[in-house]
């Protein structure tokens, strides 16, 4: 049975429906203990660069600029093919949930990452 790829905030309760839980934030989320996170993996190497993240959070660039720049980073990231392969393998046995601490998930790196995975 092939699984479904989804996302949610790491602060939301872990459920069996999450399947493999992969944290895709560069920084560890505040207030979360590693045991409570119930992570399968933490893949910070495929997240936006610190420079890009800071530029967006400081409102130096728009979300559209951030998304385009992050997409370019993904395409140039040497860790990307391995990440795609790992997610695809996990999806063969069940669901995969990407986790983030972002408050506004719709305007975070998650939609860009989900779109890139869907195309891969």
PDB file of N, CA and C in Angstrom:
ATOM      1  N   UNK A   1       0.845  -1.192   0.000  1.00  0.00           N
ATOM      2  CA  UNK A   1       0.000   0.000   0.000  1.00  0.00           C
ATOM      3  C   UNK A   1       0.884   1.247   0.000  1.00  0.00           C
ATOM      4  N   UNK A   2       0.615   2.142  -0.899  1.00  0.00           N
ATOM      5  CA  UNK A   2       1.394   3.355  -0.997  1.00  0.00           C
ATOM      6  C   UNK A   2       0.827   4.396  -0.050  1.00  0.00           C
ATOM      7  N   UNK A   3       1.717   5.082   0.646  1.00  0.00           N
ATOM      8  CA  UNK A   3       1.297   6.066   1.631  1.00  0.00           C
ATOM      9  C   UNK A   3       1.048   7.434   1.031  1.00  0.00           C
ATOM     10  N   UNK A   4       0.582   8.330   1.878  1.00  0.00           N
ATOM     11  CA  UNK A   4       0.280   9.691   1.472  1.00  0.00           C
ATOM     12  C   UNK A   4       1.266  10.628   2.149  1.00  0.00           C
ATOM     13  N   UNK A   5       1.686  11.656   1.427  1.00  0.00           N
ATOM     14  CA  UNK A   5       2.581  12.676   1.958  1.00  0.00           C
ATOM     15  C   UNK A   5       1.745  13.832   2.482  1.00  0.00           C
ATOM     16  N   UNK A   6       2.013  14.242   3.717  1.00  0.00           N
ATOM     17  CA  UNK A   6       1.285  15.371   4.299  1.00  0.00           C
ATOM     18  C   UNK A   6       2.238  16.165   5.188  1.00  0.00           C
ATOM     19  N   UNK A   7       1.710  17.209   5.798  1.00  0.00           N
ATOM     20  CA  UNK A   7       2.514  18.014   6.709  1.00  0.00           C
ATOM     21  C   UNK A   7       1.653  18.495   7.859  1.00  0.00           C
ATOM     22  N   UNK A   8       2.325  18.880   8.934  1.00  0.00           N
ATOM     23  CA  UNK A   8       1.643  19.467  10.073  1.00  0.00           C
ATOM     24  C   UNK A   8       2.670  20.130  10.977  1.00  0.00           C
ATOM     25  N   UNK A   9       2.185  20.890  11.911  1.00  0.00           N
ATOM     26  CA  UNK A   9       3.082  21.525  12.873  1.00  0.00           C
ATOM     27  C   UNK A   9       3.537  20.483  13.883  1.00  0.00           C
ATOM     28  N   UNK A  10       4.768  20.598  14.294  1.00  0.00           N
ATOM     29  CA  UNK A  10       5.312  19.642  15.256  1.00  0.00           C
ATOM     30  C   UNK A  10       4.617  19.778  16.609  1.00  0.00           C
ATOM     31  N   UNK A  11       3.989  20.918  16.852  1.00  0.00           N
ATOM     32  CA  UNK A  11       3.271  21.143  18.109  1.00  0.00           C
ATOM     33  C   UNK A  11       1.924  20.432  18.142  1.00  0.00           C
ATOM     34  N   UNK A  12       1.451  19.967  16.987  1.00  0.00           N
ATOM     35  CA  UNK A  12       0.219  19.177  16.944  1.00  0.00           C
ATOM     36  C   UNK A  12       0.518  17.771  17.440  1.00  0.00           C
ATOM     37  N   UNK A  13      -0.470  17.158  18.051  1.00  0.00           N
ATOM     38  CA  UNK A  13      -0.288  15.830  18.631  1.00  0.00           C
ATOM     39  C   UNK A  13       0.089  14.797  17.561  1.00  0.00           C
ATOM     40  N   UNK A  14       1.064  13.954  17.891  1.00  0.00           N
ATOM     41  CA  UNK A  14       1.444  12.848  17.008  1.00  0.00           C
ATOM     42  C   UNK A  14       0.318  11.819  16.997  1.00  0.00           C
ATOM     43  N   UNK A  15       0.027  11.298  15.805  1.00  0.00           N
ATOM     44  CA  UNK A  15      -1.009  10.278  15.672  1.00  0.00           C
ATOM     45  C   UNK A  15      -0.462   9.119  14.849  1.00  0.00           C
ATOM     46  N   UNK A  16      -1.052   7.942  14.958  1.00  0.00           N
ATOM     47  CA  UNK A  16      -0.614   6.820  14.131  1.00  0.00           C
ATOM     48  C   UNK A  16      -0.739   7.115  12.630  1.00  0.00           C
ATOM     49  N   UNK A  17      -1.703   7.972  12.255  1.00  0.00           N
ATOM     50  CA  UNK A  17      -1.903   8.316  10.853  1.00  0.00           C
ATOM     51  C   UNK A  17      -0.730   9.112  10.271  1.00  0.00           C
ATOM     52  N   UNK A  18       0.120   9.673  11.138  1.00  0.00           N
ATOM     53  CA  UNK A  18       1.285  10.434  10.675  1.00  0.00           C
ATOM     54  C   UNK A  18       2.269   9.537   9.923  1.00  0.00           C
ATOM     55  N   UNK A  19       2.342   8.280  10.324  1.00  0.00           N
ATOM     56  CA  UNK A  19       3.342   7.395   9.734  1.00  0.00           C
ATOM     57  C   UNK A  19       4.735   7.869  10.098  1.00  0.00           C
ATOM     58  N   UNK A  20       5.628   7.928   9.115  1.00  0.00           N
ATOM     59  CA  UNK A  20       6.991   8.415   9.345  1.00  0.00           C
ATOM     60  C   UNK A  20       6.919   9.920   9.564  1.00  0.00           C
ATOM     61  N   UNK A  21       7.512  10.373  10.651  1.00  0.00           N
ATOM     62  CA  UNK A  21       7.487  11.803  11.004  1.00  0.00           C
ATOM     63  C   UNK A  21       8.878  12.391  10.768  1.00  0.00           C
ATOM     64  N   UNK A  22       8.963  13.320   9.812  1.00  0.00           N
ATOM     65  CA  UNK A  22      10.252  13.894   9.442  1.00  0.00           C
ATOM     66  C   UNK A  22      10.231  15.394   9.706  1.00  0.00           C
ATOM     67  N   UNK A  23      11.078  15.838  10.623  1.00  0.00           N
ATOM     68  CA  UNK A  23      11.204  17.256  10.910  1.00  0.00           C
ATOM     69  C   UNK A  23      12.035  17.900   9.806  1.00  0.00           C
ATOM     70  N   UNK A  24      11.501  18.948   9.197  1.00  0.00           N
ATOM     71  CA  UNK A  24      12.190  19.638   8.103  1.00  0.00           C
ATOM     72  C   UNK A  24      12.397  21.111   8.448  1.00  0.00           C
ATOM     73  N   UNK A  25      12.895  21.361   9.641  1.00  0.00           N
ATOM     74  CA  UNK A  25      13.301  22.690  10.091  1.00  0.00           C
ATOM     75  C   UNK A  25      14.791  22.653  10.399  1.00  0.00           C
ATOM     76  N   UNK A  26      15.468  23.757  10.144  1.00  0.00           N
ATOM     77  CA  UNK A  26      16.906  23.835  10.417  1.00  0.00           C
ATOM     78  C   UNK A  26      17.176  23.881  11.917  1.00  0.00           C
ATOM     79  N   UNK A  27      16.306  24.579  12.660  1.00  0.00           N
ATOM     80  CA  UNK A  27      16.490  24.738  14.099  1.00  0.00           C
ATOM     81  C   UNK A  27      15.524  23.824  14.849  1.00  0.00           C
ATOM     82  N   UNK A  28      15.962  23.329  16.009  1.00  0.00           N
ATOM     83  CA  UNK A  28      15.089  22.498  16.825  1.00  0.00           C
ATOM     84  C   UNK A  28      13.959  23.363  17.369  1.00  0.00           C
ATOM     85  N   UNK A  29      12.713  22.888  17.323  1.00  0.00           N
ATOM     86  CA  UNK A  29      11.564  23.675  17.787  1.00  0.00           C
ATOM     87  C   UNK A  29      11.592  23.918  19.296  1.00  0.00           C
ATOM     88  N   UNK A  30      11.292  25.132  19.674  1.00  0.00           N
ATOM     89  CA  UNK A  30      11.277  25.487  21.097  1.00  0.00           C
ATOM     90  C   UNK A  30      10.181  24.740  21.831  1.00  0.00           C
ATOM     91  N   UNK A  31      10.514  24.311  23.034  1.00  0.00           N
ATOM     92  CA  UNK A  31       9.523  23.689  23.896  1.00  0.00           C
ATOM     93  C   UNK A  31       9.196  22.242  23.584  1.00  0.00           C
ATOM     94  N   UNK A  32       9.867  21.649  22.616  1.00  0.00           N
ATOM     95  CA  UNK A  32       9.615  20.251  22.258  1.00  0.00           C
ATOM     96  C   UNK A  32      10.788  19.395  22.726  1.00  0.00           C
ATOM     97  N   UNK A  33      10.477  18.374  23.506  1.00  0.00           N
ATOM     98  CA  UNK A  33      11.513  17.434  23.926  1.00  0.00           C
ATOM     99  C   UNK A  33      11.676  16.386  22.831  1.00  0.00           C
ATOM    100  N   UNK A  34      12.889  15.955  22.618  1.00  0.00           N
ATOM    101  CA  UNK A  34      13.154  15.008  21.543  1.00  0.00           C
ATOM    102  C   UNK A  34      12.333  13.725  21.687  1.00  0.00           C
ATOM    103  N   UNK A  35      12.103  13.280  22.900  1.00  0.00           N
ATOM    104  CA  UNK A  35      11.314  12.057  23.099  1.00  0.00           C
ATOM    105  C   UNK A  35       9.856  12.275  22.699  1.00  0.00           C
ATOM    106  N   UNK A  36       9.341  13.472  22.961  1.00  0.00           N
ATOM    107  CA  UNK A  36       7.940  13.783  22.657  1.00  0.00           C
ATOM    108  C   UNK A  36       7.693  13.945  21.159  1.00  0.00           C
ATOM    109  N   UNK A  37       8.722  14.310  20.410  1.00  0.00           N
ATOM    110  CA  UNK A  37       8.565  14.592  18.984  1.00  0.00           C
ATOM    111  C   UNK A  37       8.242  13.343  18.171  1.00  0.00           C
ATOM    112  N   UNK A  38       8.657  12.186  18.665  1.00  0.00           N
ATOM    113  CA  UNK A  38       8.404  10.914  17.977  1.00  0.00           C
ATOM    114  C   UNK A  38       8.847  10.970  16.510  1.00  0.00           C
ATOM    115  N   UNK A  39      10.065  11.464  16.307  1.00  0.00           N
ATOM    116  CA  UNK A  39      10.587  11.632  14.955  1.00  0.00           C
ATOM    117  C   UNK A  39      11.137  10.353  14.372  1.00  0.00           C
ATOM    118  N   UNK A  40      10.963  10.216  13.081  1.00  0.00           N
ATOM    119  CA  UNK A  40      11.623   9.174  12.309  1.00  0.00           C
ATOM    120  C   UNK A  40      12.971   9.704  11.846  1.00  0.00           C
ATOM    121  N   UNK A  41      12.997  11.001  11.495  1.00  0.00           N
ATOM    122  CA  UNK A  41      14.233  11.632  11.025  1.00  0.00           C
ATOM    123  C   UNK A  41      14.135  13.139  11.195  1.00  0.00           C
ATOM    124  N   UNK A  42      15.298  13.790  11.224  1.00  0.00           N
ATOM    125  CA  UNK A  42      15.391  15.241  11.223  1.00  0.00           C
ATOM    126  C   UNK A  42      16.276  15.596  10.041  1.00  0.00           C
ATOM    127  N   UNK A  43      15.721  16.191   9.016  1.00  0.00           N
ATOM    128  CA  UNK A  43      16.448  16.452   7.773  1.00  0.00           C
ATOM    129  C   UNK A  43      16.653  17.959   7.581  1.00  0.00           C
ATOM    130  N   UNK A  44      17.483  18.546   8.425  1.00  0.00           N
ATOM    131  CA  UNK A  44      17.719  19.990   8.358  1.00  0.00           C
ATOM    132  C   UNK A  44      18.528  20.406   7.142  1.00  0.00           C
ATOM    133  N   UNK A  45      19.204  19.455   6.498  1.00  0.00           N
ATOM    134  CA  UNK A  45      20.044  19.795   5.346  1.00  0.00           C
ATOM    135  C   UNK A  45      19.241  20.169   4.098  1.00  0.00           C
ATOM    136  N   UNK A  46      17.944  19.912   4.082  1.00  0.00           N
ATOM    137  CA  UNK A  46      17.148  20.258   2.904  1.00  0.00           C
ATOM    138  C   UNK A  46      16.259  21.483   3.155  1.00  0.00           C
ATOM    139  N   UNK A  47      16.486  22.153   4.267  1.00  0.00           N
ATOM    140  CA  UNK A  47      15.707  23.343   4.593  1.00  0.00           C
ATOM    141  C   UNK A  47      16.351  24.586   3.973  1.00  0.00           C
ATOM    142  N   UNK A  48      15.647  25.716   3.978  1.00  0.00           N
ATOM    143  CA  UNK A  48      16.248  26.943   3.436  1.00  0.00           C
ATOM    144  C   UNK A  48      17.525  27.305   4.192  1.00  0.00           C
ATOM    145  N   UNK A  49      18.453  27.906   3.480  1.00  0.00           N
ATOM    146  CA  UNK A  49      19.705  28.342   4.098  1.00  0.00           C
ATOM    147  C   UNK A  49      19.412  29.359   5.199  1.00  0.00           C
ATOM    148  N   UNK A  50      20.336  29.493   6.119  1.00  0.00           N
ATOM    149  CA  UNK A  50      20.166  30.452   7.209  1.00  0.00           C
ATOM    150  C   UNK A  50      20.001  31.870   6.658  1.00  0.00           C
ATOM    151  N   UNK A  51      20.758  32.208   5.625  1.00  0.00           N
ATOM    152  CA  UNK A  51      20.676  33.547   5.041  1.00  0.00           C
ATOM    153  C   UNK A  51      19.291  33.804   4.451  1.00  0.00           C
ATOM    154  N   UNK A  52      18.761  32.831   3.734  1.00  0.00           N
ATOM    155  CA  UNK A  52      17.445  32.981   3.121  1.00  0.00           C
ATOM    156  C   UNK A  52      16.360  33.058   4.185  1.00  0.00           C
ATOM    157  N   UNK A  53      16.445  32.200   5.161  1.00  0.00           N
ATOM    158  CA  UNK A  53      15.462  32.182   6.250  1.00  0.00           C
ATOM    159  C   UNK A  53      15.450  33.526   6.980  1.00  0.00           C
ATOM    160  N   UNK A  54      16.634  34.054   7.285  1.00  0.00           N
ATOM    161  CA  UNK A  54      16.719  35.335   7.997  1.00  0.00           C
ATOM    162  C   UNK A  54      16.185  36.484   7.145  1.00  0.00           C
ATOM    163  N   UNK A  55      16.510  36.495   5.858  1.00  0.00           N
ATOM    164  CA  UNK A  55      16.022  37.561   4.974  1.00  0.00           C
ATOM    165  C   UNK A  55      14.497  37.565   4.951  1.00  0.00           C
ATOM    166  N   UNK A  56      13.895  36.388   4.909  1.00  0.00           N
ATOM    167  CA  UNK A  56      12.431  36.295   4.882  1.00  0.00           C
ATOM    168  C   UNK A  56      11.834  36.703   6.226  1.00  0.00           C
ATOM    169  N   UNK A  57      12.400  36.224   7.314  1.00  0.00           N
ATOM    170  CA  UNK A  57      11.854  36.533   8.639  1.00  0.00           C
ATOM    171  C   UNK A  57      12.017  38.009   8.996  1.00  0.00           C
ATOM    172  N   UNK A  58      13.059  38.634   8.461  1.00  0.00           N
ATOM    173  CA  UNK A  58      13.263  40.070   8.712  1.00  0.00           C
ATOM    174  C   UNK A  58      12.518  40.935   7.703  1.00  0.00           C
ATOM    175  N   UNK A  59      11.718  40.294   6.844  1.00  0.00           N
ATOM    176  CA  UNK A  59      10.897  40.967   5.834  1.00  0.00           C
ATOM    177  C   UNK A  59      11.726  41.743   4.810  1.00  0.00           C
ATOM    178  N   UNK A  60      12.943  41.278   4.568  1.00  0.00           N
ATOM    179  CA  UNK A  60      13.786  41.867   3.521  1.00  0.00           C
ATOM    180  C   UNK A  60      13.339  41.402   2.135  1.00  0.00           C
ATOM    181  N   UNK A  61      12.646  40.257   2.087  1.00  0.00           N
ATOM    182  CA  UNK A  61      12.132  39.709   0.824  1.00  0.00           C
ATOM    183  C   UNK A  61      10.689  39.261   1.031  1.00  0.00           C
ATOM    184  N   UNK A  62       9.933  39.220  -0.052  1.00  0.00           N
ATOM    185  CA  UNK A  62       8.538  38.782   0.012  1.00  0.00           C
ATOM    186  C   UNK A  62       8.477  37.248   0.051  1.00  0.00           C
ATOM    187  N   UNK A  63       7.283  36.730   0.311  1.00  0.00           N
ATOM    188  CA  UNK A  63       7.130  35.280   0.304  1.00  0.00           C
ATOM    189  C   UNK A  63       7.421  34.724  -1.088  1.00  0.00           C
ATOM    190  N   UNK A  64       6.977  35.421  -2.120  1.00  0.00           N
ATOM    191  CA  UNK A  64       7.218  34.959  -3.489  1.00  0.00           C
ATOM    192  C   UNK A  64       8.715  34.880  -3.785  1.00  0.00           C
ATOM    193  N   UNK A  65       9.468  35.885  -3.336  1.00  0.00           N
ATOM    194  CA  UNK A  65      10.923  35.873  -3.527  1.00  0.00           C
ATOM    195  C   UNK A  65      11.561  34.742  -2.720  1.00  0.00           C
ATOM    196  N   UNK A  66      11.086  34.562  -1.498  1.00  0.00           N
ATOM    197  CA  UNK A  66      11.581  33.487  -0.649  1.00  0.00           C
ATOM    198  C   UNK A  66      11.338  32.126  -1.304  1.00  0.00           C
ATOM    199  N   UNK A  67      10.109  31.916  -1.781  1.00  0.00           N
ATOM    200  CA  UNK A  67       9.749  30.632  -2.388  1.00  0.00           C
ATOM    201  C   UNK A  67      10.598  30.348  -3.623  1.00  0.00           C
ATOM    202  N   UNK A  68      10.798  31.360  -4.464  1.00  0.00           N
ATOM    203  CA  UNK A  68      11.609  31.175  -5.675  1.00  0.00           C
ATOM    204  C   UNK A  68      13.063  30.884  -5.318  1.00  0.00           C
ATOM    205  N   UNK A  69      13.581  31.599  -4.334  1.00  0.00           N
ATOM    206  CA  UNK A  69      14.976  31.383  -3.928  1.00  0.00           C
ATOM    207  C   UNK A  69      15.150  30.009  -3.282  1.00  0.00           C
ATOM    208  N   UNK A  70      14.184  29.605  -2.470  1.00  0.00           N
ATOM    209  CA  UNK A  70      14.271  28.284  -1.838  1.00  0.00           C
ATOM    210  C   UNK A  70      14.192  27.181  -2.891  1.00  0.00           C
ATOM    211  N   UNK A  71      13.348  27.368  -3.880  1.00  0.00           N
ATOM    212  CA  UNK A  71      13.244  26.377  -4.955  1.00  0.00           C
ATOM    213  C   UNK A  71      14.590  26.205  -5.662  1.00  0.00           C
ATOM    214  N   UNK A  72      15.275  27.314  -5.886  1.00  0.00           N
ATOM    215  CA  UNK A  72      16.602  27.252  -6.499  1.00  0.00           C
ATOM    216  C   UNK A  72      17.594  26.536  -5.581  1.00  0.00           C
ATOM    217  N   UNK A  73      17.490  26.797  -4.284  1.00  0.00           N
ATOM    218  CA  UNK A  73      18.370  26.104  -3.333  1.00  0.00           C
ATOM    219  C   UNK A  73      18.115  24.601  -3.365  1.00  0.00           C
ATOM    220  N   UNK A  74      16.850  24.215  -3.434  1.00  0.00           N
ATOM    221  CA  UNK A  74      16.513  22.788  -3.496  1.00  0.00           C
ATOM    222  C   UNK A  74      17.173  22.151  -4.711  1.00  0.00           C
ATOM    223  N   UNK A  75      17.025  22.793  -5.860  1.00  0.00           N
ATOM    224  CA  UNK A  75      17.566  22.243  -7.106  1.00  0.00           C
ATOM    225  C   UNK A  75      19.083  22.108  -7.079  1.00  0.00           C
ATOM    226  N   UNK A  76      19.761  22.929  -6.292  1.00  0.00           N
ATOM    227  CA  UNK A  76      21.217  22.903  -6.212  1.00  0.00           C
ATOM    228  C   UNK A  76      21.731  22.135  -4.999  1.00  0.00           C
ATOM    229  N   UNK A  77      20.822  21.669  -4.154  1.00  0.00           N
ATOM    230  CA  UNK A  77      21.200  21.012  -2.908  1.00  0.00           C
ATOM    231  C   UNK A  77      21.642  19.572  -3.165  1.00  0.00           C
ATOM    232  N   UNK A  78      22.861  19.249  -2.789  1.00  0.00           N
ATOM    233  CA  UNK A  78      23.397  17.900  -2.993  1.00  0.00           C
ATOM    234  C   UNK A  78      22.655  16.848  -2.167  1.00  0.00           C
ATOM    235  N   UNK A  79      22.002  17.268  -1.097  1.00  0.00           N
ATOM    236  CA  UNK A  79      21.249  16.332  -0.246  1.00  0.00           C
ATOM    237  C   UNK A  79      19.853  16.044  -0.797  1.00  0.00           C
ATOM    238  N   UNK A  80      19.398  16.810  -1.774  1.00  0.00           N
ATOM    239  CA  UNK A  80      18.033  16.665  -2.289  1.00  0.00           C
ATOM    240  C   UNK A  80      17.750  15.281  -2.859  1.00  0.00           C
ATOM    241  N   UNK A  81      18.580  14.743  -3.759  1.00  0.00           N
ATOM    242  CA  UNK A  81      18.251  13.419  -4.313  1.00  0.00           C
ATOM    243  C   UNK A  81      18.106  12.335  -3.231  1.00  0.00           C
ATOM    244  N   UNK A  82      18.957  12.368  -2.236  1.00  0.00           N
ATOM    245  CA  UNK A  82      18.863  11.376  -1.154  1.00  0.00           C
ATOM    246  C   UNK A  82      17.583  11.577  -0.346  1.00  0.00           C
ATOM    247  N   UNK A  83      17.199  12.825  -0.135  1.00  0.00           N
ATOM    248  CA  UNK A  83      15.961  13.112   0.592  1.00  0.00           C
ATOM    249  C   UNK A  83      14.751  12.590  -0.185  1.00  0.00           C
ATOM    250  N   UNK A  84      14.712  12.870  -1.480  1.00  0.00           N
ATOM    251  CA  UNK A  84      13.610  12.395  -2.325  1.00  0.00           C
ATOM    252  C   UNK A  84      13.536  10.874  -2.277  1.00  0.00           C
ATOM    253  N   UNK A  85      14.676  10.224  -2.383  1.00  0.00           N
ATOM    254  CA  UNK A  85      14.720   8.762  -2.348  1.00  0.00           C
ATOM    255  C   UNK A  85      14.211   8.235  -1.001  1.00  0.00           C
ATOM    256  N   UNK A  86      14.653   8.850   0.087  1.00  0.00           N
ATOM    257  CA  UNK A  86      14.239   8.398   1.420  1.00  0.00           C
ATOM    258  C   UNK A  86      12.732   8.559   1.614  1.00  0.00           C
ATOM    259  N   UNK A  87      12.188   9.679   1.175  1.00  0.00           N
ATOM    260  CA  UNK A  87      10.748   9.903   1.306  1.00  0.00           C
ATOM    261  C   UNK A  87       9.981   8.904   0.442  1.00  0.00           C
ATOM    262  N   UNK A  88      10.437   8.704  -0.787  1.00  0.00           N
ATOM    263  CA  UNK A  88       9.770   7.755  -1.685  1.00  0.00           C
ATOM    264  C   UNK A  88       9.781   6.343  -1.107  1.00  0.00           C
ATOM    265  N   UNK A  89      10.893   5.943  -0.525  1.00  0.00           N
ATOM    266  CA  UNK A  89      10.968   4.605   0.091  1.00  0.00           C
ATOM    267  C   UNK A  89      10.003   4.477   1.256  1.00  0.00           C
ATOM    268  N   UNK A  90       9.933   5.492   2.095  1.00  0.00           N
ATOM    269  CA  UNK A  90       9.022   5.446   3.243  1.00  0.00           C
ATOM    270  C   UNK A  90       7.567   5.427   2.784  1.00  0.00           C
ATOM    271  N   UNK A  91       7.274   6.141   1.699  1.00  0.00           N
ATOM    272  CA  UNK A  91       5.900   6.165   1.176  1.00  0.00           C
ATOM    273  C   UNK A  91       5.459   4.802   0.656  1.00  0.00           C
ATOM    274  N   UNK A  92       6.397   3.933   0.309  1.00  0.00           N
ATOM    275  CA  UNK A  92       6.050   2.588  -0.148  1.00  0.00           C
ATOM    276  C   UNK A  92       5.405   1.762   0.962  1.00  0.00           C
ATOM    277  N   UNK A  93       5.728   2.106   2.225  1.00  0.00           N
ATOM    278  CA  UNK A  93       5.189   1.314   3.332  1.00  0.00           C
ATOM    279  C   UNK A  93       4.156   2.059   4.169  1.00  0.00           C
ATOM    280  N   UNK A  94       3.858   3.313   3.828  1.00  0.00           N
ATOM    281  CA  UNK A  94       2.848   4.028   4.598  1.00  0.00           C
ATOM    282  C   UNK A  94       2.983   5.530   4.475  1.00  0.00           C
ATOM    283  N   UNK A  95       2.209   6.239   5.271  1.00  0.00           N
ATOM    284  CA  UNK A  95       2.213   7.700   5.176  1.00  0.00           C
ATOM    285  C   UNK A  95       3.512   8.323   5.686  1.00  0.00           C
ATOM    286  N   UNK A  96       3.777   9.525   5.197  1.00  0.00           N
ATOM    287  CA  UNK A  96       4.918  10.322   5.637  1.00  0.00           C
ATOM    288  C   UNK A  96       4.386  11.711   5.960  1.00  0.00           C
ATOM    289  N   UNK A  97       4.754  12.220   7.126  1.00  0.00           N
ATOM    290  CA  UNK A  97       4.340  13.558   7.532  1.00  0.00           C
ATOM    291  C   UNK A  97       5.577  14.414   7.748  1.00  0.00           C
ATOM    292  N   UNK A  98       5.633  15.525   7.014  1.00  0.00           N
ATOM    293  CA  UNK A  98       6.697  16.503   7.202  1.00  0.00           C
ATOM    294  C   UNK A  98       6.279  17.434   8.329  1.00  0.00           C
ATOM    295  N   UNK A  99       7.195  17.699   9.233  1.00  0.00           N
ATOM    296  CA  UNK A  99       6.888  18.509  10.410  1.00  0.00           C
ATOM    297  C   UNK A  99       7.663  19.810  10.404  1.00  0.00           C
ATOM    298  N   UNK A 100       7.009  20.865  10.877  1.00  0.00           N
ATOM    299  CA  UNK A 100       7.640  22.171  11.002  1.00  0.00           C
ATOM    300  C   UNK A 100       7.118  22.872  12.243  1.00  0.00           C
ATOM    301  N   UNK A 101       7.895  23.820  12.741  1.00  0.00           N
ATOM    302  CA  UNK A 101       7.456  24.644  13.862  1.00  0.00           C
ATOM    303  C   UNK A 101       6.840  25.948  13.376  1.00  0.00           C
ATOM    304  N   UNK A 102       6.848  26.192  12.084  1.00  0.00           N
ATOM    305  CA  UNK A 102       6.343  27.454  11.534  1.00  0.00           C
ATOM    306  C   UNK A 102       4.903  27.709  11.974  1.00  0.00           C
ATOM    307  N   UNK A 103       4.637  28.938  12.380  1.00  0.00           N
ATOM    308  CA  UNK A 103       3.278  29.304  12.783  1.00  0.00           C
ATOM    309  C   UNK A 103       2.367  29.422  11.575  1.00  0.00           C
ATOM    310  N   UNK A 104       2.871  30.029  10.514  1.00  0.00           N
ATOM    311  CA  UNK A 104       2.103  30.212   9.284  1.00  0.00           C
ATOM    312  C   UNK A 104       2.635  29.225   8.246  1.00  0.00           C
ATOM    313  N   UNK A 105       2.177  28.003   8.329  1.00  0.00           N
ATOM    314  CA  UNK A 105       2.705  26.941   7.466  1.00  0.00           C
ATOM    315  C   UNK A 105       2.472  27.260   5.991  1.00  0.00           C
ATOM    316  N   UNK A 106       1.346  27.890   5.663  1.00  0.00           N
ATOM    317  CA  UNK A 106       1.038  28.210   4.271  1.00  0.00           C
ATOM    318  C   UNK A 106       2.031  29.192   3.658  1.00  0.00           C
ATOM    319  N   UNK A 107       2.716  29.970   4.487  1.00  0.00           N
ATOM    320  CA  UNK A 107       3.706  30.936   4.012  1.00  0.00           C
ATOM    321  C   UNK A 107       5.089  30.583   4.560  1.00  0.00           C
ATOM    322  N   UNK A 108       5.370  29.300   4.595  1.00  0.00           N
ATOM    323  CA  UNK A 108       6.669  28.807   5.051  1.00  0.00           C
ATOM    324  C   UNK A 108       7.334  28.052   3.905  1.00  0.00           C
ATOM    325  N   UNK A 109       8.383  27.349   4.218  1.00  0.00           N
ATOM    326  CA  UNK A 109       9.083  26.545   3.209  1.00  0.00           C
ATOM    327  C   UNK A 109       8.336  25.260   2.874  1.00  0.00           C
ATOM    328  N   UNK A 110       7.363  24.878   3.685  1.00  0.00           N
ATOM    329  CA  UNK A 110       6.664  23.610   3.501  1.00  0.00           C
ATOM    330  C   UNK A 110       5.944  23.509   2.149  1.00  0.00           C
ATOM    331  N   UNK A 111       5.154  24.500   1.718  1.00  0.00           N
ATOM    332  CA  UNK A 111       4.511  24.364   0.405  1.00  0.00           C
ATOM    333  C   UNK A 111       5.512  24.209  -0.745  1.00  0.00           C
ATOM    334  N   UNK A 112       6.629  24.893  -0.657  1.00  0.00           N
ATOM    335  CA  UNK A 112       7.665  24.778  -1.696  1.00  0.00           C
ATOM    336  C   UNK A 112       8.250  23.378  -1.684  1.00  0.00           C
ATOM    337  N   UNK A 113       8.535  22.879  -0.498  1.00  0.00           N
ATOM    338  CA  UNK A 113       9.100  21.538  -0.347  1.00  0.00           C
ATOM    339  C   UNK A 113       8.116  20.470  -0.830  1.00  0.00           C
ATOM    340  N   UNK A 114       6.842  20.616  -0.473  1.00  0.00           N
ATOM    341  CA  UNK A 114       5.824  19.659  -0.904  1.00  0.00           C
ATOM    342  C   UNK A 114       5.692  19.659  -2.421  1.00  0.00           C
ATOM    343  N   UNK A 115       5.698  20.838  -3.044  1.00  0.00           N
ATOM    344  CA  UNK A 115       5.590  20.919  -4.501  1.00  0.00           C
ATOM    345  C   UNK A 115       6.794  20.282  -5.176  1.00  0.00           C
ATOM    346  N   UNK A 116       7.980  20.524  -4.638  1.00  0.00           N
ATOM    347  CA  UNK A 116       9.200  19.941  -5.212  1.00  0.00           C
ATOM    348  C   UNK A 116       9.171  18.423  -5.087  1.00  0.00           C
ATOM    349  N   UNK A 117       8.700  17.914  -3.958  1.00  0.00           N
ATOM    350  CA  UNK A 117       8.601  16.462  -3.789  1.00  0.00           C
ATOM    351  C   UNK A 117       7.573  15.876  -4.752  1.00  0.00           C
ATOM    352  N   UNK A 118       6.468  16.568  -4.955  1.00  0.00           N
ATOM    353  CA  UNK A 118       5.430  16.075  -5.865  1.00  0.00           C
ATOM    354  C   UNK A 118       5.957  15.981  -7.293  1.00  0.00           C
ATOM    355  N   UNK A 119       6.832  16.878  -7.666  1.00  0.00           N
ATOM    356  CA  UNK A 119       7.405  16.875  -9.019  1.00  0.00           C
ATOM    357  C   UNK A 119       8.540  15.876  -9.175  1.00  0.00           C
ATOM    358  N   UNK A 120       9.161  15.514  -8.055  1.00  0.00           N
ATOM    359  CA  UNK A 120      10.343  14.623  -8.125  1.00  0.00           C
ATOM    360  C   UNK A 120       9.956  13.190  -8.436  1.00  0.00           C
TER     361      UNK A 120
END
